[in-house]
Amino acid sequence: MTAPQPPSMAAPPAPSMVSRMTALFLRVLTFAFLMVSLVIMTTNTGTIEIGIDEFKVRSKDFYSYRYMLAAIAFGLAYTILQIVLTLNHISKRNGAQTSGDGNLVFDFYGDKVVSYILATGAAAAFGATKELKTQLAGLGGDKFFNKGYASASLLLLGFVCTAILSVFSSYALPKKV
């Protein structure tokens, strides 16, 4: 005689569903980091005082910051696309249907390329901010450069999330291909 079984609870989600939910969370987090970084950098202005003259500086006045803004825009476009694709796959919730699995190669290469673009954008911004802050020390503009550091830091966090997603896509690819 066997012991009575407790009432069964809902079945746990399939491993692929858990990985898709994790990927969705990381993509939304990436989107948030990139969006806040974009807002900080595009609204960043400062004043540099040289002698009796004052010069207004904006992030678009520096090539490194322009590159950073382009990297953020590219990262945002890719992240939005991936969020839509992931939501589409999750909403179907049909294990027998493999339409979402066709995106694994796209995820693999896309995550790699975008993570490198975000990393170089953050590096360019950190380098430019360090150099400019050192060269223009004592002329004002500390608030401008601190916001540059903040924006680059958020971009770096967006890179970390995308790099983690890149590792996930590397593990998922051999299972399906």
N, C-alpha and C. Protein backbone atom coordinates (compact mmCIF):
# COMPACT_ATOMS: atom_id res chain seq x y z
N MET A 1 0.84 -1.17 0.00
CA MET A 1 0.00 0.00 0.00
C MET A 1 0.89 1.24 0.00
N THR A 2 0.57 2.18 -0.84
CA THR A 2 1.38 3.40 -0.94
C THR A 2 0.72 4.52 -0.16
N ALA A 3 1.55 5.43 0.28
CA ALA A 3 1.04 6.58 1.03
C ALA A 3 0.28 7.50 0.09
N PRO A 4 -0.72 8.18 0.58
CA PRO A 4 -1.47 9.11 -0.28
C PRO A 4 -0.56 10.25 -0.73
N GLN A 5 -0.73 10.60 -1.96
CA GLN A 5 0.06 11.67 -2.56
C GLN A 5 -0.60 13.01 -2.27
N PRO A 6 0.21 14.02 -1.94
CA PRO A 6 -0.37 15.36 -1.73
C PRO A 6 -0.92 15.88 -3.06
N PRO A 7 -1.88 16.77 -2.98
CA PRO A 7 -2.42 17.31 -4.24
C PRO A 7 -1.30 17.98 -5.03
N SER A 8 -1.29 17.70 -6.31
CA SER A 8 -0.21 18.24 -7.14
C SER A 8 -0.42 19.73 -7.37
N MET A 9 0.69 20.42 -7.35
CA MET A 9 0.66 21.84 -7.61
C MET A 9 0.90 22.03 -9.10
N ALA A 10 0.83 23.23 -9.55
CA ALA A 10 1.04 23.51 -10.97
C ALA A 10 2.44 23.04 -11.36
N ALA A 11 2.55 22.51 -12.54
CA ALA A 11 3.83 22.02 -13.02
C ALA A 11 4.81 23.18 -13.16
N PRO A 12 6.07 22.94 -12.81
CA PRO A 12 7.05 24.03 -12.96
C PRO A 12 7.23 24.35 -14.43
N PRO A 13 7.60 25.57 -14.73
CA PRO A 13 7.80 25.94 -16.13
C PRO A 13 8.94 25.14 -16.75
N ALA A 14 8.85 24.95 -18.04
CA ALA A 14 9.90 24.23 -18.76
C ALA A 14 11.20 25.02 -18.68
N PRO A 15 12.35 24.31 -18.72
CA PRO A 15 13.63 25.03 -18.64
C PRO A 15 13.78 26.11 -19.70
N SER A 16 13.29 25.87 -20.91
CA SER A 16 13.42 26.90 -21.94
C SER A 16 12.58 28.13 -21.59
N MET A 17 11.44 27.91 -20.90
CA MET A 17 10.60 29.04 -20.50
C MET A 17 11.32 29.86 -19.42
N VAL A 18 11.98 29.17 -18.49
CA VAL A 18 12.73 29.87 -17.45
C VAL A 18 13.86 30.67 -18.08
N SER A 19 14.57 30.07 -19.04
CA SER A 19 15.67 30.80 -19.67
C SER A 19 15.14 31.99 -20.47
N ARG A 20 13.97 31.82 -21.10
CA ARG A 20 13.38 32.96 -21.83
C ARG A 20 12.97 34.08 -20.87
N MET A 21 12.43 33.71 -19.71
CA MET A 21 12.04 34.73 -18.73
C MET A 21 13.28 35.43 -18.17
N THR A 22 14.35 34.68 -17.94
CA THR A 22 15.60 35.29 -17.48
C THR A 22 16.15 36.24 -18.54
N ALA A 23 16.12 35.78 -19.78
CA ALA A 23 16.59 36.63 -20.88
C ALA A 23 15.74 37.89 -20.98
N LEU A 24 14.43 37.75 -20.83
CA LEU A 24 13.55 38.91 -20.89
C LEU A 24 13.88 39.89 -19.77
N PHE A 25 14.10 39.38 -18.56
CA PHE A 25 14.46 40.25 -17.43
C PHE A 25 15.76 41.00 -17.72
N LEU A 26 16.77 40.29 -18.22
CA LEU A 26 18.05 40.94 -18.52
C LEU A 26 17.92 41.95 -19.66
N ARG A 27 17.08 41.66 -20.64
CA ARG A 27 16.89 42.60 -21.75
C ARG A 27 16.16 43.86 -21.27
N VAL A 28 15.18 43.70 -20.40
CA VAL A 28 14.48 44.87 -19.86
C VAL A 28 15.45 45.69 -19.00
N LEU A 29 16.28 45.01 -18.23
CA LEU A 29 17.28 45.71 -17.43
C LEU A 29 18.27 46.46 -18.32
N THR A 30 18.70 45.81 -19.40
CA THR A 30 19.58 46.46 -20.36
C THR A 30 18.92 47.70 -20.94
N PHE A 31 17.65 47.56 -21.34
CA PHE A 31 16.90 48.70 -21.89
C PHE A 31 16.87 49.85 -20.90
N ALA A 32 16.61 49.56 -19.63
CA ALA A 32 16.54 50.61 -18.61
C ALA A 32 17.89 51.31 -18.46
N PHE A 33 18.97 50.53 -18.37
CA PHE A 33 20.30 51.13 -18.24
C PHE A 33 20.63 52.01 -19.44
N LEU A 34 20.35 51.51 -20.63
CA LEU A 34 20.67 52.28 -21.84
C LEU A 34 19.81 53.53 -21.95
N MET A 35 18.54 53.42 -21.61
CA MET A 35 17.65 54.58 -21.71
C MET A 35 18.07 55.68 -20.74
N VAL A 36 18.37 55.32 -19.51
CA VAL A 36 18.80 56.33 -18.53
C VAL A 36 20.15 56.93 -18.95
N SER A 37 21.05 56.10 -19.46
CA SER A 37 22.34 56.60 -19.95
C SER A 37 22.13 57.59 -21.09
N LEU A 38 21.22 57.27 -22.00
CA LEU A 38 20.92 58.16 -23.12
C LEU A 38 20.36 59.49 -22.64
N VAL A 39 19.44 59.45 -21.70
CA VAL A 39 18.83 60.68 -21.20
C VAL A 39 19.89 61.55 -20.51
N ILE A 40 20.72 60.93 -19.69
CA ILE A 40 21.76 61.71 -18.99
C ILE A 40 22.70 62.36 -20.00
N MET A 41 23.13 61.59 -20.99
CA MET A 41 24.13 62.12 -21.92
C MET A 41 23.54 63.18 -22.86
N THR A 42 22.32 62.98 -23.32
CA THR A 42 21.75 63.96 -24.26
C THR A 42 21.37 65.27 -23.57
N THR A 43 21.11 65.23 -22.28
CA THR A 43 20.74 66.45 -21.57
C THR A 43 21.94 67.08 -20.86
N ASN A 44 23.11 66.51 -21.02
CA ASN A 44 24.30 66.97 -20.33
C ASN A 44 24.88 68.21 -21.01
N THR A 45 24.94 69.29 -20.28
CA THR A 45 25.58 70.52 -20.75
C THR A 45 26.43 71.08 -19.60
N GLY A 46 27.41 71.86 -19.96
CA GLY A 46 28.25 72.48 -18.95
C GLY A 46 28.86 73.76 -19.48
N THR A 47 29.54 74.46 -18.60
CA THR A 47 30.18 75.72 -18.97
C THR A 47 31.65 75.65 -18.59
N ILE A 48 32.50 75.95 -19.56
CA ILE A 48 33.94 76.00 -19.35
C ILE A 48 34.35 77.46 -19.40
N GLU A 49 35.08 77.93 -18.38
CA GLU A 49 35.52 79.31 -18.30
C GLU A 49 37.01 79.40 -18.64
N ILE A 50 37.30 80.08 -19.74
CA ILE A 50 38.69 80.31 -20.13
C ILE A 50 38.90 81.81 -20.13
N GLY A 51 39.63 82.27 -19.15
CA GLY A 51 39.84 83.72 -18.99
C GLY A 51 38.51 84.38 -18.66
N ILE A 52 38.14 85.36 -19.47
CA ILE A 52 36.87 86.04 -19.23
C ILE A 52 35.75 85.46 -20.09
N ASP A 53 36.11 84.51 -20.96
CA ASP A 53 35.11 83.90 -21.84
C ASP A 53 34.55 82.62 -21.23
N GLU A 54 33.27 82.41 -21.50
CA GLU A 54 32.61 81.17 -21.09
C GLU A 54 32.14 80.45 -22.33
N PHE A 55 32.38 79.15 -22.34
CA PHE A 55 31.96 78.32 -23.47
C PHE A 55 30.99 77.25 -22.97
N LYS A 56 29.88 77.15 -23.66
CA LYS A 56 28.92 76.12 -23.32
C LYS A 56 29.31 74.84 -24.06
N VAL A 57 29.40 73.74 -23.33
CA VAL A 57 29.76 72.45 -23.94
C VAL A 57 28.59 71.49 -23.80
N ARG A 58 28.44 70.68 -24.84
CA ARG A 58 27.42 69.64 -24.86
C ARG A 58 28.10 68.33 -25.23
N SER A 59 27.43 67.25 -24.98
CA SER A 59 28.04 65.95 -25.27
C SER A 59 28.28 65.76 -26.77
N LYS A 60 27.44 66.35 -27.59
CA LYS A 60 27.62 66.17 -29.04
C LYS A 60 28.82 66.96 -29.58
N ASP A 61 29.46 67.76 -28.75
CA ASP A 61 30.64 68.51 -29.17
C ASP A 61 31.90 67.64 -29.20
N PHE A 62 31.83 66.43 -28.66
CA PHE A 62 33.00 65.56 -28.56
C PHE A 62 32.73 64.26 -29.32
N TYR A 63 33.68 63.84 -30.14
CA TYR A 63 33.51 62.65 -30.97
C TYR A 63 33.31 61.38 -30.15
N SER A 64 33.99 61.27 -29.05
CA SER A 64 33.86 60.07 -28.22
C SER A 64 32.45 59.96 -27.64
N TYR A 65 31.90 61.09 -27.25
CA TYR A 65 30.53 61.06 -26.73
C TYR A 65 29.53 60.78 -27.85
N ARG A 66 29.82 61.26 -29.06
CA ARG A 66 28.95 60.94 -30.20
C ARG A 66 28.96 59.44 -30.46
N TYR A 67 30.14 58.84 -30.40
CA TYR A 67 30.23 57.40 -30.58
C TYR A 67 29.45 56.67 -29.49
N MET A 68 29.57 57.15 -28.27
CA MET A 68 28.83 56.56 -27.17
C MET A 68 27.33 56.64 -27.42
N LEU A 69 26.85 57.79 -27.89
CA LEU A 69 25.42 57.95 -28.18
C LEU A 69 24.98 57.02 -29.30
N ALA A 70 25.83 56.84 -30.31
CA ALA A 70 25.50 55.91 -31.40
C ALA A 70 25.45 54.47 -30.88
N ALA A 71 26.37 54.11 -30.00
CA ALA A 71 26.37 52.77 -29.42
C ALA A 71 25.12 52.54 -28.59
N ILE A 72 24.70 53.55 -27.83
CA ILE A 72 23.48 53.44 -27.04
C ILE A 72 22.28 53.27 -27.96
N ALA A 73 22.20 54.07 -29.02
CA ALA A 73 21.06 53.98 -29.95
C ALA A 73 21.01 52.60 -30.61
N PHE A 74 22.15 52.09 -31.03
CA PHE A 74 22.19 50.76 -31.65
C PHE A 74 21.79 49.70 -30.63
N GLY A 75 22.29 49.81 -29.40
CA GLY A 75 21.94 48.87 -28.35
C GLY A 75 20.47 48.91 -28.00
N LEU A 76 19.89 50.11 -27.96
CA LEU A 76 18.46 50.23 -27.69
C LEU A 76 17.62 49.59 -28.79
N ALA A 77 17.98 49.83 -30.04
CA ALA A 77 17.22 49.24 -31.15
C ALA A 77 17.26 47.72 -31.09
N TYR A 78 18.44 47.16 -30.87
CA TYR A 78 18.58 45.70 -30.78
C TYR A 78 17.81 45.15 -29.57
N THR A 79 17.92 45.83 -28.44
CA THR A 79 17.25 45.37 -27.23
C THR A 79 15.73 45.39 -27.38
N ILE A 80 15.20 46.44 -27.99
CA ILE A 80 13.76 46.50 -28.22
C ILE A 80 13.32 45.36 -29.13
N LEU A 81 14.07 45.12 -30.19
CA LEU A 81 13.75 44.01 -31.10
C LEU A 81 13.76 42.68 -30.34
N GLN A 82 14.76 42.47 -29.52
CA GLN A 82 14.86 41.21 -28.79
C GLN A 82 13.76 41.07 -27.74
N ILE A 83 13.37 42.16 -27.11
CA ILE A 83 12.26 42.10 -26.15
C ILE A 83 10.98 41.68 -26.87
N VAL A 84 10.72 42.26 -28.03
CA VAL A 84 9.53 41.89 -28.80
C VAL A 84 9.57 40.42 -29.20
N LEU A 85 10.71 39.95 -29.69
CA LEU A 85 10.84 38.55 -30.10
C LEU A 85 10.68 37.61 -28.91
N THR A 86 11.25 37.97 -27.77
CA THR A 86 11.13 37.14 -26.58
C THR A 86 9.70 37.10 -26.07
N LEU A 87 9.04 38.25 -26.05
CA LEU A 87 7.63 38.28 -25.63
C LEU A 87 6.76 37.45 -26.58
N ASN A 88 7.07 37.51 -27.87
CA ASN A 88 6.34 36.72 -28.85
C ASN A 88 6.52 35.23 -28.56
N HIS A 89 7.73 34.83 -28.29
CA HIS A 89 8.00 33.42 -28.00
C HIS A 89 7.32 32.98 -26.72
N ILE A 90 7.39 33.79 -25.68
CA ILE A 90 6.77 33.44 -24.40
C ILE A 90 5.25 33.37 -24.53
N SER A 91 4.68 34.28 -25.31
CA SER A 91 3.21 34.31 -25.43
C SER A 91 2.67 33.07 -26.15
N LYS A 92 3.48 32.47 -27.01
CA LYS A 92 3.02 31.25 -27.71
C LYS A 92 3.00 30.05 -26.77
N ARG A 93 3.98 29.95 -25.89
CA ARG A 93 4.05 28.93 -24.84
C ARG A 93 3.74 27.53 -25.34
N ASN A 94 4.16 27.22 -26.52
CA ASN A 94 3.90 25.91 -27.08
C ASN A 94 5.24 25.22 -27.27
N GLY A 95 5.53 24.23 -26.44
CA GLY A 95 6.81 23.55 -26.50
C GLY A 95 7.05 22.85 -27.82
N ALA A 96 5.99 22.40 -28.49
CA ALA A 96 6.16 21.68 -29.75
C ALA A 96 6.46 22.65 -30.89
N GLN A 97 6.12 23.88 -30.71
CA GLN A 97 6.33 24.87 -31.77
C GLN A 97 7.74 25.43 -31.65
N THR A 98 8.49 25.44 -32.72
CA THR A 98 9.89 25.86 -32.66
C THR A 98 10.13 27.19 -33.34
N SER A 99 9.10 27.98 -33.55
CA SER A 99 9.31 29.25 -34.26
C SER A 99 10.26 30.17 -33.52
N GLY A 100 10.25 30.17 -32.19
CA GLY A 100 11.16 31.02 -31.42
C GLY A 100 12.58 30.49 -31.42
N ASP A 101 12.75 29.16 -31.66
CA ASP A 101 14.08 28.58 -31.65
C ASP A 101 14.87 28.95 -32.89
N GLY A 102 14.21 29.40 -33.94
CA GLY A 102 14.91 29.83 -35.14
C GLY A 102 15.72 31.09 -34.90
N ASN A 103 15.46 31.76 -33.81
CA ASN A 103 16.17 33.00 -33.50
C ASN A 103 17.46 32.76 -32.73
N LEU A 104 17.80 31.51 -32.42
CA LEU A 104 18.98 31.26 -31.59
C LEU A 104 20.27 31.70 -32.25
N VAL A 105 20.41 31.50 -33.55
CA VAL A 105 21.61 31.94 -34.24
C VAL A 105 21.66 33.46 -34.27
N PHE A 106 20.52 34.10 -34.51
CA PHE A 106 20.44 35.56 -34.47
C PHE A 106 20.79 36.07 -33.08
N ASP A 107 20.25 35.42 -32.04
CA ASP A 107 20.58 35.81 -30.66
C ASP A 107 22.07 35.67 -30.40
N PHE A 108 22.64 34.55 -30.85
CA PHE A 108 24.05 34.27 -30.61
C PHE A 108 24.94 35.38 -31.19
N TYR A 109 24.77 35.64 -32.48
CA TYR A 109 25.62 36.65 -33.12
C TYR A 109 25.23 38.07 -32.71
N GLY A 110 23.96 38.33 -32.59
CA GLY A 110 23.50 39.67 -32.20
C GLY A 110 23.99 40.07 -30.83
N ASP A 111 23.89 39.15 -29.86
CA ASP A 111 24.35 39.46 -28.51
C ASP A 111 25.85 39.71 -28.47
N LYS A 112 26.59 38.95 -29.26
CA LYS A 112 28.05 39.15 -29.30
C LYS A 112 28.39 40.53 -29.87
N VAL A 113 27.81 40.86 -31.02
CA VAL A 113 28.12 42.12 -31.69
C VAL A 113 27.68 43.31 -30.83
N VAL A 114 26.48 43.26 -30.31
CA VAL A 114 25.96 44.39 -29.53
C VAL A 114 26.74 44.56 -28.23
N SER A 115 27.12 43.46 -27.60
CA SER A 115 27.89 43.60 -26.36
C SER A 115 29.24 44.28 -26.63
N TYR A 116 29.88 43.95 -27.75
CA TYR A 116 31.15 44.61 -28.08
C TYR A 116 30.93 46.09 -28.41
N ILE A 117 29.87 46.41 -29.09
CA ILE A 117 29.58 47.82 -29.41
C ILE A 117 29.34 48.61 -28.12
N LEU A 118 28.57 48.03 -27.19
CA LEU A 118 28.31 48.72 -25.93
C LEU A 118 29.59 48.87 -25.11
N ALA A 119 30.43 47.84 -25.11
CA ALA A 119 31.68 47.92 -24.36
C ALA A 119 32.60 49.01 -24.92
N THR A 120 32.71 49.09 -26.25
CA THR A 120 33.58 50.12 -26.83
C THR A 120 32.99 51.51 -26.63
N GLY A 121 31.66 51.62 -26.64
CA GLY A 121 31.03 52.91 -26.36
C GLY A 121 31.32 53.39 -24.94
N ALA A 122 31.22 52.47 -23.99
CA ALA A 122 31.52 52.82 -22.60
C ALA A 122 33.00 53.17 -22.44
N ALA A 123 33.87 52.41 -23.08
CA ALA A 123 35.31 52.68 -22.99
C ALA A 123 35.65 54.04 -23.59
N ALA A 124 35.04 54.35 -24.72
CA ALA A 124 35.30 55.65 -25.36
C ALA A 124 34.85 56.79 -24.44
N ALA A 125 33.71 56.63 -23.81
CA ALA A 125 33.21 57.68 -22.93
C ALA A 125 34.08 57.83 -21.68
N PHE A 126 34.47 56.70 -21.09
CA PHE A 126 35.34 56.79 -19.91
C PHE A 126 36.67 57.46 -20.26
N GLY A 127 37.26 57.05 -21.39
CA GLY A 127 38.54 57.63 -21.81
C GLY A 127 38.43 59.11 -22.09
N ALA A 128 37.39 59.51 -22.81
CA ALA A 128 37.21 60.92 -23.13
C ALA A 128 36.97 61.75 -21.87
N THR A 129 36.16 61.24 -20.98
CA THR A 129 35.86 61.97 -19.76
C THR A 129 37.11 62.15 -18.91
N LYS A 130 37.88 61.10 -18.79
CA LYS A 130 39.12 61.18 -18.01
C LYS A 130 40.08 62.21 -18.60
N GLU A 131 40.29 62.14 -19.91
CA GLU A 131 41.21 63.07 -20.58
C GLU A 131 40.71 64.52 -20.49
N LEU A 132 39.45 64.72 -20.81
CA LEU A 132 38.90 66.08 -20.81
C LEU A 132 38.90 66.68 -19.41
N LYS A 133 38.53 65.87 -18.42
CA LYS A 133 38.50 66.37 -17.05
C LYS A 133 39.90 66.75 -16.58
N THR A 134 40.91 65.96 -16.98
CA THR A 134 42.29 66.26 -16.61
C THR A 134 42.79 67.53 -17.31
N GLN A 135 42.51 67.64 -18.60
CA GLN A 135 43.01 68.78 -19.37
C GLN A 135 42.28 70.08 -19.02
N LEU A 136 41.04 69.99 -18.65
CA LEU A 136 40.26 71.19 -18.35
C LEU A 136 40.05 71.41 -16.86
N ALA A 137 40.91 70.81 -16.04
CA ALA A 137 40.81 70.96 -14.59
C ALA A 137 40.94 72.43 -14.21
N GLY A 138 40.09 72.85 -13.32
CA GLY A 138 40.13 74.22 -12.83
C GLY A 138 39.39 75.22 -13.70
N LEU A 139 38.84 74.75 -14.82
CA LEU A 139 38.11 75.66 -15.71
C LEU A 139 36.60 75.51 -15.58
N GLY A 140 36.18 74.75 -14.60
CA GLY A 140 34.75 74.49 -14.44
C GLY A 140 34.36 73.24 -15.23
N GLY A 141 33.13 72.94 -15.22
CA GLY A 141 32.65 71.81 -16.00
C GLY A 141 32.70 70.49 -15.26
N ASP A 142 32.97 70.52 -13.95
CA ASP A 142 33.03 69.26 -13.20
C ASP A 142 31.70 68.51 -13.24
N LYS A 143 30.60 69.25 -13.16
CA LYS A 143 29.29 68.62 -13.21
C LYS A 143 29.08 67.93 -14.56
N PHE A 144 29.52 68.56 -15.62
CA PHE A 144 29.42 67.99 -16.96
C PHE A 144 30.17 66.67 -17.04
N PHE A 145 31.39 66.64 -16.53
CA PHE A 145 32.21 65.43 -16.60
C PHE A 145 31.71 64.35 -15.66
N ASN A 146 31.18 64.73 -14.51
CA ASN A 146 30.61 63.73 -13.60
C ASN A 146 29.39 63.05 -14.23
N LYS A 147 28.60 63.83 -14.95
CA LYS A 147 27.47 63.22 -15.66
C LYS A 147 27.97 62.32 -16.79
N GLY A 148 29.09 62.67 -17.39
CA GLY A 148 29.70 61.81 -18.40
C GLY A 148 30.10 60.47 -17.80
N TYR A 149 30.69 60.51 -16.60
CA TYR A 149 31.04 59.28 -15.90
C TYR A 149 29.78 58.47 -15.56
N ALA A 150 28.74 59.14 -15.10
CA ALA A 150 27.50 58.44 -14.73
C ALA A 150 26.89 57.75 -15.94
N SER A 151 26.84 58.45 -17.05
CA SER A 151 26.27 57.88 -18.26
C SER A 151 27.10 56.71 -18.76
N ALA A 152 28.41 56.84 -18.73
CA ALA A 152 29.29 55.75 -19.15
C ALA A 152 29.16 54.54 -18.23
N SER A 153 28.98 54.79 -16.94
CA SER A 153 28.79 53.69 -15.98
C SER A 153 27.52 52.92 -16.27
N LEU A 154 26.44 53.63 -16.58
CA LEU A 154 25.19 52.96 -16.91
C LEU A 154 25.31 52.18 -18.22
N LEU A 155 26.04 52.73 -19.17
CA LEU A 155 26.29 52.01 -20.41
C LEU A 155 27.11 50.75 -20.13
N LEU A 156 28.06 50.84 -19.23
CA LEU A 156 28.85 49.67 -18.86
C LEU A 156 27.97 48.60 -18.22
N LEU A 157 27.02 49.00 -17.39
CA LEU A 157 26.08 48.04 -16.80
C LEU A 157 25.20 47.39 -17.87
N GLY A 158 24.80 48.19 -18.88
CA GLY A 158 24.06 47.62 -20.01
C GLY A 158 24.90 46.61 -20.75
N PHE A 159 26.20 46.88 -20.91
CA PHE A 159 27.10 45.92 -21.53
C PHE A 159 27.17 44.63 -20.71
N VAL A 160 27.26 44.74 -19.39
CA VAL A 160 27.35 43.54 -18.54
C VAL A 160 26.11 42.66 -18.73
N CYS A 161 24.94 43.28 -18.77
CA CYS A 161 23.71 42.50 -18.99
C CYS A 161 23.73 41.83 -20.35
N THR A 162 24.17 42.52 -21.37
CA THR A 162 24.23 41.95 -22.71
C THR A 162 25.30 40.87 -22.79
N ALA A 163 26.40 41.03 -22.08
CA ALA A 163 27.44 40.00 -22.06
C ALA A 163 26.92 38.73 -21.39
N ILE A 164 26.14 38.87 -20.33
CA ILE A 164 25.53 37.71 -19.69
C ILE A 164 24.57 37.02 -20.67
N LEU A 165 23.79 37.81 -21.38
CA LEU A 165 22.90 37.24 -22.40
C LEU A 165 23.69 36.54 -23.49
N SER A 166 24.85 37.08 -23.83
CA SER A 166 25.71 36.46 -24.82
C SER A 166 26.17 35.07 -24.37
N VAL A 167 26.48 34.95 -23.09
CA VAL A 167 26.87 33.64 -22.55
C VAL A 167 25.68 32.68 -22.61
N PHE A 168 24.49 33.16 -22.23
CA PHE A 168 23.29 32.32 -22.30
C PHE A 168 23.05 31.84 -23.73
N SER A 169 23.17 32.74 -24.69
CA SER A 169 22.92 32.35 -26.08
C SER A 169 23.99 31.38 -26.58
N SER A 170 25.20 31.47 -26.03
CA SER A 170 26.26 30.52 -26.39
C SER A 170 25.92 29.12 -25.90
N TYR A 171 25.32 29.03 -24.72
CA TYR A 171 24.93 27.73 -24.17
C TYR A 171 23.70 27.18 -24.87
N ALA A 172 22.78 28.03 -25.27
CA ALA A 172 21.53 27.57 -25.90
C ALA A 172 21.73 27.08 -27.32
N LEU A 173 22.70 27.63 -28.01
CA LEU A 173 22.88 27.30 -29.43
C LEU A 173 23.21 25.84 -29.69
N PRO A 174 24.19 25.23 -28.98
CA PRO A 174 24.50 23.83 -29.27
C PRO A 174 23.35 22.87 -28.98
N LYS A 175 22.47 23.22 -28.07
CA LYS A 175 21.35 22.36 -27.74
C LYS A 175 20.34 22.25 -28.87
N LYS A 176 20.21 23.30 -29.66
CA LYS A 176 19.16 23.34 -30.68
C LYS A 176 19.68 23.13 -32.09
N VAL A 177 20.97 23.38 -32.31
CA VAL A 177 21.49 23.30 -33.68
C VAL A 177 22.04 21.92 -33.96
